[in-house]
Amino acid sequence: MAHDLVCWKCGAALAALSLPLRRLDECPRCHAELHVCRMCADYDTSVAKHCREPIAEEVSDKTQANFCDFFKPRAGAYTPPDTAAMDKARAELEKLFGKR
């Protein structure tokens, strides 16, 4: 079972799914594909190709299901949006241009 896994896109628990994740597995809540780079333990935006696996083929869309043989699901794949930064930017724009 995938007890500690959560969807990379919405954060929903994936405990009902069994491992290994299949290429076409989807999140039960938001229906995002799960066999994606953003859900992989090797996904890292600070390295080339955003992948720490040196021999993996580059995948252009990190949010679409792929055929990577090195895929390992990552427990902490969900990053909640920074709503404080978005609210601050929105307030600055309203201050600059006025509210609609």
PDB file of N, CA and C in Angstrom:
ATOM      1  N   MET A   1       0.827  -1.192   0.000  1.00  0.00           N
ATOM      2  CA  MET A   1       0.000   0.000   0.000  1.00  0.00           C
ATOM      3  C   MET A   1       0.866   1.248   0.000  1.00  0.00           C
ATOM      4  N   ALA A   2       0.328   2.307  -0.490  1.00  0.00           N
ATOM      5  CA  ALA A   2       1.040   3.578  -0.597  1.00  0.00           C
ATOM      6  C   ALA A   2       0.657   4.488   0.568  1.00  0.00           C
ATOM      7  N   HIS A   3       0.901   4.027   1.804  1.00  0.00           N
ATOM      8  CA  HIS A   3       0.425   4.723   2.998  1.00  0.00           C
ATOM      9  C   HIS A   3       0.888   6.169   3.130  1.00  0.00           C
ATOM     10  N   ASP A   4       2.145   6.469   2.841  1.00  0.00           N
ATOM     11  CA  ASP A   4       2.674   7.816   3.055  1.00  0.00           C
ATOM     12  C   ASP A   4       2.587   8.695   1.820  1.00  0.00           C
ATOM     13  N   LEU A   5       2.149   8.160   0.713  1.00  0.00           N
ATOM     14  CA  LEU A   5       2.128   8.934  -0.519  1.00  0.00           C
ATOM     15  C   LEU A   5       0.923   9.852  -0.590  1.00  0.00           C
ATOM     16  N   VAL A   6       1.173  11.036  -1.152  1.00  0.00           N
ATOM     17  CA  VAL A   6       0.097  11.982  -1.423  1.00  0.00           C
ATOM     18  C   VAL A   6       0.256  12.464  -2.856  1.00  0.00           C
ATOM     19  N   CYS A   7      -0.816  12.906  -3.438  1.00  0.00           N
ATOM     20  CA  CYS A   7      -0.805  13.407  -4.806  1.00  0.00           C
ATOM     21  C   CYS A   7       0.104  14.625  -4.905  1.00  0.00           C
ATOM     22  N   TRP A   8       0.914  14.678  -5.945  1.00  0.00           N
ATOM     23  CA  TRP A   8       1.826  15.802  -6.158  1.00  0.00           C
ATOM     24  C   TRP A   8       1.065  17.087  -6.470  1.00  0.00           C
ATOM     25  N   LYS A   9      -0.166  16.977  -6.983  1.00  0.00           N
ATOM     26  CA  LYS A   9      -0.909  18.158  -7.433  1.00  0.00           C
ATOM     27  C   LYS A   9      -1.864  18.718  -6.377  1.00  0.00           C
ATOM     28  N   CYS A  10      -2.584  17.839  -5.662  1.00  0.00           N
ATOM     29  CA  CYS A  10      -3.591  18.338  -4.714  1.00  0.00           C
ATOM     30  C   CYS A  10      -3.346  17.930  -3.270  1.00  0.00           C
ATOM     31  N   GLY A  11      -2.423  16.988  -3.030  1.00  0.00           N
ATOM     32  CA  GLY A  11      -2.113  16.572  -1.667  1.00  0.00           C
ATOM     33  C   GLY A  11      -3.005  15.481  -1.107  1.00  0.00           C
ATOM     34  N   ALA A  12      -3.891  14.916  -1.914  1.00  0.00           N
ATOM     35  CA  ALA A  12      -4.783  13.852  -1.445  1.00  0.00           C
ATOM     36  C   ALA A  12      -3.990  12.590  -1.100  1.00  0.00           C
ATOM     37  N   ALA A  13      -4.421  11.891  -0.061  1.00  0.00           N
ATOM     38  CA  ALA A  13      -3.774  10.641   0.349  1.00  0.00           C
ATOM     39  C   ALA A  13      -3.961   9.579  -0.732  1.00  0.00           C
ATOM     40  N   LEU A  14      -2.900   8.806  -0.942  1.00  0.00           N
ATOM     41  CA  LEU A  14      -2.939   7.749  -1.963  1.00  0.00           C
ATOM     42  C   LEU A  14      -2.845   6.368  -1.327  1.00  0.00           C
ATOM     43  N   ALA A  15      -3.252   6.243  -0.067  1.00  0.00           N
ATOM     44  CA  ALA A  15      -3.132   4.987   0.677  1.00  0.00           C
ATOM     45  C   ALA A  15      -3.915   3.847   0.031  1.00  0.00           C
ATOM     46  N   ALA A  16      -4.971   4.147  -0.701  1.00  0.00           N
ATOM     47  CA  ALA A  16      -5.792   3.099  -1.317  1.00  0.00           C
ATOM     48  C   ALA A  16      -5.108   2.453  -2.516  1.00  0.00           C
ATOM     49  N   LEU A  17      -4.078   3.100  -3.057  1.00  0.00           N
ATOM     50  CA  LEU A  17      -3.377   2.547  -4.218  1.00  0.00           C
ATOM     51  C   LEU A  17      -2.304   1.569  -3.768  1.00  0.00           C
ATOM     52  N   SER A  18      -2.016   0.594  -4.602  1.00  0.00           N
ATOM     53  CA  SER A  18      -0.956  -0.362  -4.276  1.00  0.00           C
ATOM     54  C   SER A  18       0.297  -0.007  -5.074  1.00  0.00           C
ATOM     55  N   LEU A  19       1.429  -0.368  -4.511  1.00  0.00           N
ATOM     56  CA  LEU A  19       2.714  -0.128  -5.171  1.00  0.00           C
ATOM     57  C   LEU A  19       3.148  -1.375  -5.907  1.00  0.00           C
ATOM     58  N   PRO A  20       3.897  -1.275  -6.972  1.00  0.00           N
ATOM     59  CA  PRO A  20       4.356  -0.034  -7.578  1.00  0.00           C
ATOM     60  C   PRO A  20       3.226   0.663  -8.322  1.00  0.00           C
ATOM     61  N   LEU A  21       3.314   2.000  -8.385  1.00  0.00           N
ATOM     62  CA  LEU A  21       2.316   2.748  -9.137  1.00  0.00           C
ATOM     63  C   LEU A  21       2.423   2.377 -10.608  1.00  0.00           C
ATOM     64  N   ARG A  22       1.299   2.194 -11.226  1.00  0.00           N
ATOM     65  CA  ARG A  22       1.277   1.891 -12.659  1.00  0.00           C
ATOM     66  C   ARG A  22       1.325   3.185 -13.457  1.00  0.00           C
ATOM     67  N   ARG A  23       1.721   3.123 -14.683  1.00  0.00           N
ATOM     68  CA  ARG A  23       1.868   4.309 -15.522  1.00  0.00           C
ATOM     69  C   ARG A  23       0.575   5.106 -15.629  1.00  0.00           C
ATOM     70  N   LEU A  24      -0.560   4.460 -15.624  1.00  0.00           N
ATOM     71  CA  LEU A  24      -1.826   5.169 -15.813  1.00  0.00           C
ATOM     72  C   LEU A  24      -2.597   5.412 -14.510  1.00  0.00           C
ATOM     73  N   ASP A  25      -1.974   5.172 -13.350  1.00  0.00           N
ATOM     74  CA  ASP A  25      -2.651   5.464 -12.083  1.00  0.00           C
ATOM     75  C   ASP A  25      -2.921   6.964 -11.977  1.00  0.00           C
ATOM     76  N   GLU A  26      -4.092   7.286 -11.408  1.00  0.00           N
ATOM     77  CA  GLU A  26      -4.496   8.679 -11.242  1.00  0.00           C
ATOM     78  C   GLU A  26      -4.868   8.941  -9.795  1.00  0.00           C
ATOM     79  N   CYS A  27      -4.793  10.208  -9.406  1.00  0.00           N
ATOM     80  CA  CYS A  27      -5.236  10.627  -8.081  1.00  0.00           C
ATOM     81  C   CYS A  27      -6.751  10.436  -8.005  1.00  0.00           C
ATOM     82  N   PRO A  28      -7.251   9.827  -6.918  1.00  0.00           N
ATOM     83  CA  PRO A  28      -8.697   9.632  -6.814  1.00  0.00           C
ATOM     84  C   PRO A  28      -9.468  10.947  -6.649  1.00  0.00           C
ATOM     85  N   ARG A  29      -8.813  12.010  -6.173  1.00  0.00           N
ATOM     86  CA  ARG A  29      -9.505  13.287  -5.971  1.00  0.00           C
ATOM     87  C   ARG A  29      -9.437  14.183  -7.212  1.00  0.00           C
ATOM     88  N   CYS A  30      -8.236  14.505  -7.697  1.00  0.00           N
ATOM     89  CA  CYS A  30      -8.112  15.494  -8.792  1.00  0.00           C
ATOM     90  C   CYS A  30      -7.840  14.858 -10.154  1.00  0.00           C
ATOM     91  N   HIS A  31      -7.640  13.542 -10.185  1.00  0.00           N
ATOM     92  CA  HIS A  31      -7.405  12.775 -11.413  1.00  0.00           C
ATOM     93  C   HIS A  31      -6.089  13.133 -12.123  1.00  0.00           C
ATOM     94  N   ALA A  32      -5.146  13.702 -11.370  1.00  0.00           N
ATOM     95  CA  ALA A  32      -3.812  13.953 -11.949  1.00  0.00           C
ATOM     96  C   ALA A  32      -3.109  12.621 -12.142  1.00  0.00           C
ATOM     97  N   GLU A  33      -2.340  12.516 -13.221  1.00  0.00           N
ATOM     98  CA  GLU A  33      -1.547  11.314 -13.440  1.00  0.00           C
ATOM     99  C   GLU A  33      -0.464  11.254 -12.371  1.00  0.00           C
ATOM    100  N   LEU A  34      -0.123  10.049 -11.907  1.00  0.00           N
ATOM    101  CA  LEU A  34       0.809   9.902 -10.787  1.00  0.00           C
ATOM    102  C   LEU A  34       2.195   9.401 -11.176  1.00  0.00           C
ATOM    103  N   HIS A  35       2.323   8.704 -12.301  1.00  0.00           N
ATOM    104  CA  HIS A  35       3.642   8.216 -12.736  1.00  0.00           C
ATOM    105  C   HIS A  35       4.312   9.349 -13.509  1.00  0.00           C
ATOM    106  N   VAL A  36       4.614  10.451 -12.786  1.00  0.00           N
ATOM    107  CA  VAL A  36       5.150  11.669 -13.388  1.00  0.00           C
ATOM    108  C   VAL A  36       6.416  12.094 -12.656  1.00  0.00           C
ATOM    109  N   CYS A  37       7.229  12.880 -13.322  1.00  0.00           N
ATOM    110  CA  CYS A  37       8.482  13.350 -12.710  1.00  0.00           C
ATOM    111  C   CYS A  37       8.231  14.074 -11.386  1.00  0.00           C
ATOM    112  N   ARG A  38       7.199  14.908 -11.317  1.00  0.00           N
ATOM    113  CA  ARG A  38       6.931  15.681 -10.105  1.00  0.00           C
ATOM    114  C   ARG A  38       6.638  14.783  -8.900  1.00  0.00           C
ATOM    115  N   MET A  39       6.317  13.538  -9.131  1.00  0.00           N
ATOM    116  CA  MET A  39       5.991  12.595  -8.063  1.00  0.00           C
ATOM    117  C   MET A  39       7.172  11.676  -7.737  1.00  0.00           C
ATOM    118  N   CYS A  40       8.297  11.838  -8.438  1.00  0.00           N
ATOM    119  CA  CYS A  40       9.425  10.913  -8.313  1.00  0.00           C
ATOM    120  C   CYS A  40      10.447  11.373  -7.276  1.00  0.00           C
ATOM    121  N   ALA A  41      11.068  10.408  -6.617  1.00  0.00           N
ATOM    122  CA  ALA A  41      12.103  10.695  -5.617  1.00  0.00           C
ATOM    123  C   ALA A  41      13.317  11.370  -6.239  1.00  0.00           C
ATOM    124  N   ASP A  42      13.557  11.191  -7.530  1.00  0.00           N
ATOM    125  CA  ASP A  42      14.710  11.800  -8.195  1.00  0.00           C
ATOM    126  C   ASP A  42      14.417  13.184  -8.761  1.00  0.00           C
ATOM    127  N   TYR A  43      13.183  13.667  -8.655  1.00  0.00           N
ATOM    128  CA  TYR A  43      12.830  14.995  -9.162  1.00  0.00           C
ATOM    129  C   TYR A  43      13.508  16.054  -8.299  1.00  0.00           C
ATOM    130  N   ASP A  44      14.253  16.951  -8.946  1.00  0.00           N
ATOM    131  CA  ASP A  44      14.989  17.982  -8.225  1.00  0.00           C
ATOM    132  C   ASP A  44      15.210  19.154  -9.174  1.00  0.00           C
ATOM    133  N   THR A  45      14.565  20.274  -8.910  1.00  0.00           N
ATOM    134  CA  THR A  45      14.663  21.425  -9.813  1.00  0.00           C
ATOM    135  C   THR A  45      16.033  22.095  -9.783  1.00  0.00           C
ATOM    136  N   SER A  46      16.891  21.710  -8.850  1.00  0.00           N
ATOM    137  CA  SER A  46      18.209  22.344  -8.769  1.00  0.00           C
ATOM    138  C   SER A  46      19.276  21.639  -9.612  1.00  0.00           C
ATOM    139  N   VAL A  47      18.908  20.566 -10.308  1.00  0.00           N
ATOM    140  CA  VAL A  47      19.872  19.849 -11.155  1.00  0.00           C
ATOM    141  C   VAL A  47      19.404  19.868 -12.612  1.00  0.00           C
ATOM    142  N   ALA A  48      20.332  19.522 -13.500  1.00  0.00           N
ATOM    143  CA  ALA A  48      20.014  19.487 -14.926  1.00  0.00           C
ATOM    144  C   ALA A  48      18.864  18.521 -15.200  1.00  0.00           C
ATOM    145  N   LYS A  49      18.022  18.895 -16.121  1.00  0.00           N
ATOM    146  CA  LYS A  49      16.855  18.091 -16.525  1.00  0.00           C
ATOM    147  C   LYS A  49      15.880  17.868 -15.366  1.00  0.00           C
ATOM    148  N   HIS A  50      16.122  18.512 -14.205  1.00  0.00           N
ATOM    149  CA  HIS A  50      15.301  18.359 -13.002  1.00  0.00           C
ATOM    150  C   HIS A  50      15.233  16.911 -12.530  1.00  0.00           C
ATOM    151  N   CYS A  51      16.321  16.159 -12.787  1.00  0.00           N
ATOM    152  CA  CYS A  51      16.367  14.747 -12.415  1.00  0.00           C
ATOM    153  C   CYS A  51      17.754  14.384 -11.902  1.00  0.00           C
ATOM    154  N   ARG A  52      17.802  13.736 -10.735  1.00  0.00           N
ATOM    155  CA  ARG A  52      19.083  13.321 -10.162  1.00  0.00           C
ATOM    156  C   ARG A  52      19.580  11.997 -10.745  1.00  0.00           C
ATOM    157  N   GLU A  53      18.759  11.316 -11.529  1.00  0.00           N
ATOM    158  CA  GLU A  53      19.178  10.060 -12.150  1.00  0.00           C
ATOM    159  C   GLU A  53      19.949  10.394 -13.424  1.00  0.00           C
ATOM    160  N   PRO A  54      21.268  10.189 -13.450  1.00  0.00           N
ATOM    161  CA  PRO A  54      22.080  10.658 -14.572  1.00  0.00           C
ATOM    162  C   PRO A  54      21.818   9.968 -15.908  1.00  0.00           C
ATOM    163  N   ILE A  55      21.317   8.752 -15.906  1.00  0.00           N
ATOM    164  CA  ILE A  55      21.126   8.070 -17.190  1.00  0.00           C
ATOM    165  C   ILE A  55      19.675   8.020 -17.651  1.00  0.00           C
ATOM    166  N   ALA A  56      18.795   8.642 -16.892  1.00  0.00           N
ATOM    167  CA  ALA A  56      17.381   8.676 -17.301  1.00  0.00           C
ATOM    168  C   ALA A  56      17.223   9.595 -18.505  1.00  0.00           C
ATOM    169  N   GLU A  57      16.341   9.202 -19.422  1.00  0.00           N
ATOM    170  CA  GLU A  57      16.041  10.064 -20.559  1.00  0.00           C
ATOM    171  C   GLU A  57      15.282  11.282 -20.065  1.00  0.00           C
ATOM    172  N   GLU A  58      15.544  12.434 -20.703  1.00  0.00           N
ATOM    173  CA  GLU A  58      14.863  13.659 -20.291  1.00  0.00           C
ATOM    174  C   GLU A  58      13.389  13.596 -20.663  1.00  0.00           C
ATOM    175  N   VAL A  59      12.546  14.034 -19.748  1.00  0.00           N
ATOM    176  CA  VAL A  59      11.108  14.109 -19.968  1.00  0.00           C
ATOM    177  C   VAL A  59      10.749  15.581 -20.013  1.00  0.00           C
ATOM    178  N   SER A  60      10.137  16.031 -21.094  1.00  0.00           N
ATOM    179  CA  SER A  60       9.865  17.460 -21.244  1.00  0.00           C
ATOM    180  C   SER A  60       8.733  17.942 -20.337  1.00  0.00           C
ATOM    181  N   ASP A  61       7.657  17.190 -20.224  1.00  0.00           N
ATOM    182  CA  ASP A  61       6.540  17.607 -19.371  1.00  0.00           C
ATOM    183  C   ASP A  61       6.587  16.810 -18.084  1.00  0.00           C
ATOM    184  N   LYS A  62       6.968  17.448 -17.011  1.00  0.00           N
ATOM    185  CA  LYS A  62       7.165  16.793 -15.710  1.00  0.00           C
ATOM    186  C   LYS A  62       5.845  16.441 -15.022  1.00  0.00           C
ATOM    187  N   THR A  63       4.706  16.833 -15.615  1.00  0.00           N
ATOM    188  CA  THR A  63       3.408  16.578 -15.003  1.00  0.00           C
ATOM    189  C   THR A  63       2.567  15.566 -15.777  1.00  0.00           C
ATOM    190  N   GLN A  64       3.128  14.968 -16.815  1.00  0.00           N
ATOM    191  CA  GLN A  64       2.414  13.968 -17.613  1.00  0.00           C
ATOM    192  C   GLN A  64       3.016  12.589 -17.379  1.00  0.00           C
ATOM    193  N   ALA A  65       2.189  11.562 -17.419  1.00  0.00           N
ATOM    194  CA  ALA A  65       2.662  10.189 -17.235  1.00  0.00           C
ATOM    195  C   ALA A  65       3.747   9.876 -18.258  1.00  0.00           C
ATOM    196  N   ASN A  66       4.756   9.122 -17.807  1.00  0.00           N
ATOM    197  CA  ASN A  66       5.864   8.782 -18.688  1.00  0.00           C
ATOM    198  C   ASN A  66       6.263   7.323 -18.494  1.00  0.00           C
ATOM    199  N   PHE A  67       7.228   6.884 -19.268  1.00  0.00           N
ATOM    200  CA  PHE A  67       7.662   5.487 -19.236  1.00  0.00           C
ATOM    201  C   PHE A  67       9.003   5.312 -18.536  1.00  0.00           C
ATOM    202  N   CYS A  68       9.421   6.252 -17.702  1.00  0.00           N
ATOM    203  CA  CYS A  68      10.731   6.188 -17.055  1.00  0.00           C
ATOM    204  C   CYS A  68      10.843   4.943 -16.170  1.00  0.00           C
ATOM    205  N   ASP A  69      11.883   4.157 -16.411  1.00  0.00           N
ATOM    206  CA  ASP A  69      12.107   2.941 -15.626  1.00  0.00           C
ATOM    207  C   ASP A  69      12.699   3.231 -14.254  1.00  0.00           C
ATOM    208  N   PHE A  70      13.156   4.462 -14.026  1.00  0.00           N
ATOM    209  CA  PHE A  70      13.785   4.828 -12.760  1.00  0.00           C
ATOM    210  C   PHE A  70      12.791   5.442 -11.773  1.00  0.00           C
ATOM    211  N   PHE A  71      11.520   5.538 -12.150  1.00  0.00           N
ATOM    212  CA  PHE A  71      10.501   6.175 -11.319  1.00  0.00           C
ATOM    213  C   PHE A  71      10.375   5.495  -9.955  1.00  0.00           C
ATOM    214  N   LYS A  72      10.478   6.302  -8.897  1.00  0.00           N
ATOM    215  CA  LYS A  72      10.251   5.857  -7.520  1.00  0.00           C
ATOM    216  C   LYS A  72       9.356   6.901  -6.866  1.00  0.00           C
ATOM    217  N   PRO A  73       8.149   6.548  -6.434  1.00  0.00           N
ATOM    218  CA  PRO A  73       7.251   7.558  -5.871  1.00  0.00           C
ATOM    219  C   PRO A  73       7.846   8.198  -4.614  1.00  0.00           C
ATOM    220  N   ARG A  74       7.617   9.497  -4.497  1.00  0.00           N
ATOM    221  CA  ARG A  74       8.157  10.294  -3.395  1.00  0.00           C
ATOM    222  C   ARG A  74       7.033  10.690  -2.451  1.00  0.00           C
ATOM    223  N   ALA A  75       7.229  10.444  -1.153  1.00  0.00           N
ATOM    224  CA  ALA A  75       6.199  10.719  -0.157  1.00  0.00           C
ATOM    225  C   ALA A  75       5.879  12.209  -0.041  1.00  0.00           C
ATOM    226  N   GLY A  76       6.847  13.083  -0.101  1.00  0.00           N
ATOM    227  CA  GLY A  76       6.597  14.515   0.090  1.00  0.00           C
ATOM    228  C   GLY A  76       6.452  15.279  -1.206  1.00  0.00           C
ATOM    229  N   ALA A  77       5.752  14.726  -2.162  1.00  0.00           N
ATOM    230  CA  ALA A  77       5.683  15.325  -3.495  1.00  0.00           C
ATOM    231  C   ALA A  77       4.790  16.559  -3.563  1.00  0.00           C
ATOM    232  N   TYR A  78       3.881  16.732  -2.625  1.00  0.00           N
ATOM    233  CA  TYR A  78       2.957  17.872  -2.688  1.00  0.00           C
ATOM    234  C   TYR A  78       3.567  19.098  -2.018  1.00  0.00           C
ATOM    235  N   THR A  79       3.542  20.206  -2.734  1.00  0.00           N
ATOM    236  CA  THR A  79       3.976  21.483  -2.180  1.00  0.00           C
ATOM    237  C   THR A  79       2.788  22.430  -2.268  1.00  0.00           C
ATOM    238  N   PRO A  80       2.223  22.810  -1.114  1.00  0.00           N
ATOM    239  CA  PRO A  80       1.062  23.702  -1.165  1.00  0.00           C
ATOM    240  C   PRO A  80       1.441  25.060  -1.755  1.00  0.00           C
ATOM    241  N   PRO A  81       0.511  25.703  -2.431  1.00  0.00           N
ATOM    242  CA  PRO A  81       0.809  27.009  -3.015  1.00  0.00           C
ATOM    243  C   PRO A  81       1.092  28.043  -1.924  1.00  0.00           C
ATOM    244  N   ASP A  82       1.945  28.999  -2.232  1.00  0.00           N
ATOM    245  CA  ASP A  82       2.286  30.063  -1.294  1.00  0.00           C
ATOM    246  C   ASP A  82       1.222  31.145  -1.406  1.00  0.00           C
ATOM    247  N   THR A  83       0.112  30.959  -0.703  1.00  0.00           N
ATOM    248  CA  THR A  83      -1.007  31.901  -0.817  1.00  0.00           C
ATOM    249  C   THR A  83      -0.673  33.258  -0.232  1.00  0.00           C
ATOM    250  N   ALA A  84       0.223  33.312   0.751  1.00  0.00           N
ATOM    251  CA  ALA A  84       0.603  34.601   1.335  1.00  0.00           C
ATOM    252  C   ALA A  84       1.288  35.472   0.282  1.00  0.00           C
ATOM    253  N   ALA A  85       2.174  34.880  -0.507  1.00  0.00           N
ATOM    254  CA  ALA A  85       2.863  35.637  -1.556  1.00  0.00           C
ATOM    255  C   ALA A  85       1.874  36.079  -2.636  1.00  0.00           C
ATOM    256  N   MET A  86       0.927  35.213  -2.976  1.00  0.00           N
ATOM    257  CA  MET A  86      -0.070  35.574  -3.990  1.00  0.00           C
ATOM    258  C   MET A  86      -0.957  36.711  -3.481  1.00  0.00           C
ATOM    259  N   ASP A  87      -1.371  36.650  -2.210  1.00  0.00           N
ATOM    260  CA  ASP A  87      -2.204  37.706  -1.630  1.00  0.00           C
ATOM    261  C   ASP A  87      -1.454  39.032  -1.595  1.00  0.00           C
ATOM    262  N   LYS A  88      -0.166  38.985  -1.248  1.00  0.00           N
ATOM    263  CA  LYS A  88       0.638  40.202  -1.200  1.00  0.00           C
ATOM    264  C   LYS A  88       0.768  40.814  -2.595  1.00  0.00           C
ATOM    265  N   ALA A  89       1.029  39.980  -3.599  1.00  0.00           N
ATOM    266  CA  ALA A  89       1.143  40.475  -4.970  1.00  0.00           C
ATOM    267  C   ALA A  89      -0.184  41.071  -5.439  1.00  0.00           C
ATOM    268  N   ARG A  90      -1.285  40.421  -5.106  1.00  0.00           N
ATOM    269  CA  ARG A  90      -2.607  40.919  -5.497  1.00  0.00           C
ATOM    270  C   ARG A  90      -2.865  42.281  -4.846  1.00  0.00           C
ATOM    271  N   ALA A  91      -2.511  42.423  -3.568  1.00  0.00           N
ATOM    272  CA  ALA A  91      -2.701  43.695  -2.861  1.00  0.00           C
ATOM    273  C   ALA A  91      -1.848  44.795  -3.493  1.00  0.00           C
ATOM    274  N   GLU A  92      -0.621  44.462  -3.887  1.00  0.00           N
ATOM    275  CA  GLU A  92       0.250  45.447  -4.538  1.00  0.00           C
ATOM    276  C   GLU A  92      -0.337  45.886  -5.880  1.00  0.00           C
ATOM    277  N   LEU A  93      -0.886  44.941  -6.644  1.00  0.00           N
ATOM    278  CA  LEU A  93      -1.503  45.281  -7.926  1.00  0.00           C
ATOM    279  C   LEU A  93      -2.729  46.147  -7.723  1.00  0.00           C
ATOM    280  N   GLU A  94      -3.534  45.852  -6.706  1.00  0.00           N
ATOM    281  CA  GLU A  94      -4.726  46.658  -6.430  1.00  0.00           C
ATOM    282  C   GLU A  94      -4.330  48.053  -6.004  1.00  0.00           C
ATOM    283  N   LYS A  95      -3.244  48.170  -5.248  1.00  0.00           N
ATOM    284  CA  LYS A  95      -2.753  49.465  -4.818  1.00  0.00           C
ATOM    285  C   LYS A  95      -2.285  50.277  -6.035  1.00  0.00           C
ATOM    286  N   LEU A  96      -1.641  49.595  -6.972  1.00  0.00           N
ATOM    287  CA  LEU A  96      -1.098  50.242  -8.152  1.00  0.00           C
ATOM    288  C   LEU A  96      -2.174  50.614  -9.166  1.00  0.00           C
ATOM    289  N   PHE A  97      -3.087  49.684  -9.438  1.00  0.00           N
ATOM    290  CA  PHE A  97      -4.084  49.886 -10.499  1.00  0.00           C
ATOM    291  C   PHE A  97      -5.493  50.129  -9.995  1.00  0.00           C
ATOM    292  N   GLY A  98      -5.723  49.996  -8.705  1.00  0.00           N
ATOM    293  CA  GLY A  98      -7.074  50.154  -8.182  1.00  0.00           C
ATOM    294  C   GLY A  98      -7.846  48.856  -8.261  1.00  0.00           C
ATOM    295  N   LYS A  99      -8.855  48.756  -7.424  1.00  0.00           N
ATOM    296  CA  LYS A  99      -9.680  47.547  -7.406  1.00  0.00           C
ATOM    297  C   LYS A  99     -10.710  47.600  -8.496  1.00  0.00           C
ATOM    298  N   ARG A 100     -11.040  46.472  -9.077  1.00  0.00           N
ATOM    299  CA  ARG A 100     -12.066  46.417 -10.143  1.00  0.00           C
ATOM    300  C   ARG A 100     -13.419  46.174  -9.557  1.00  0.00           C
TER     301      ARG A 100
END
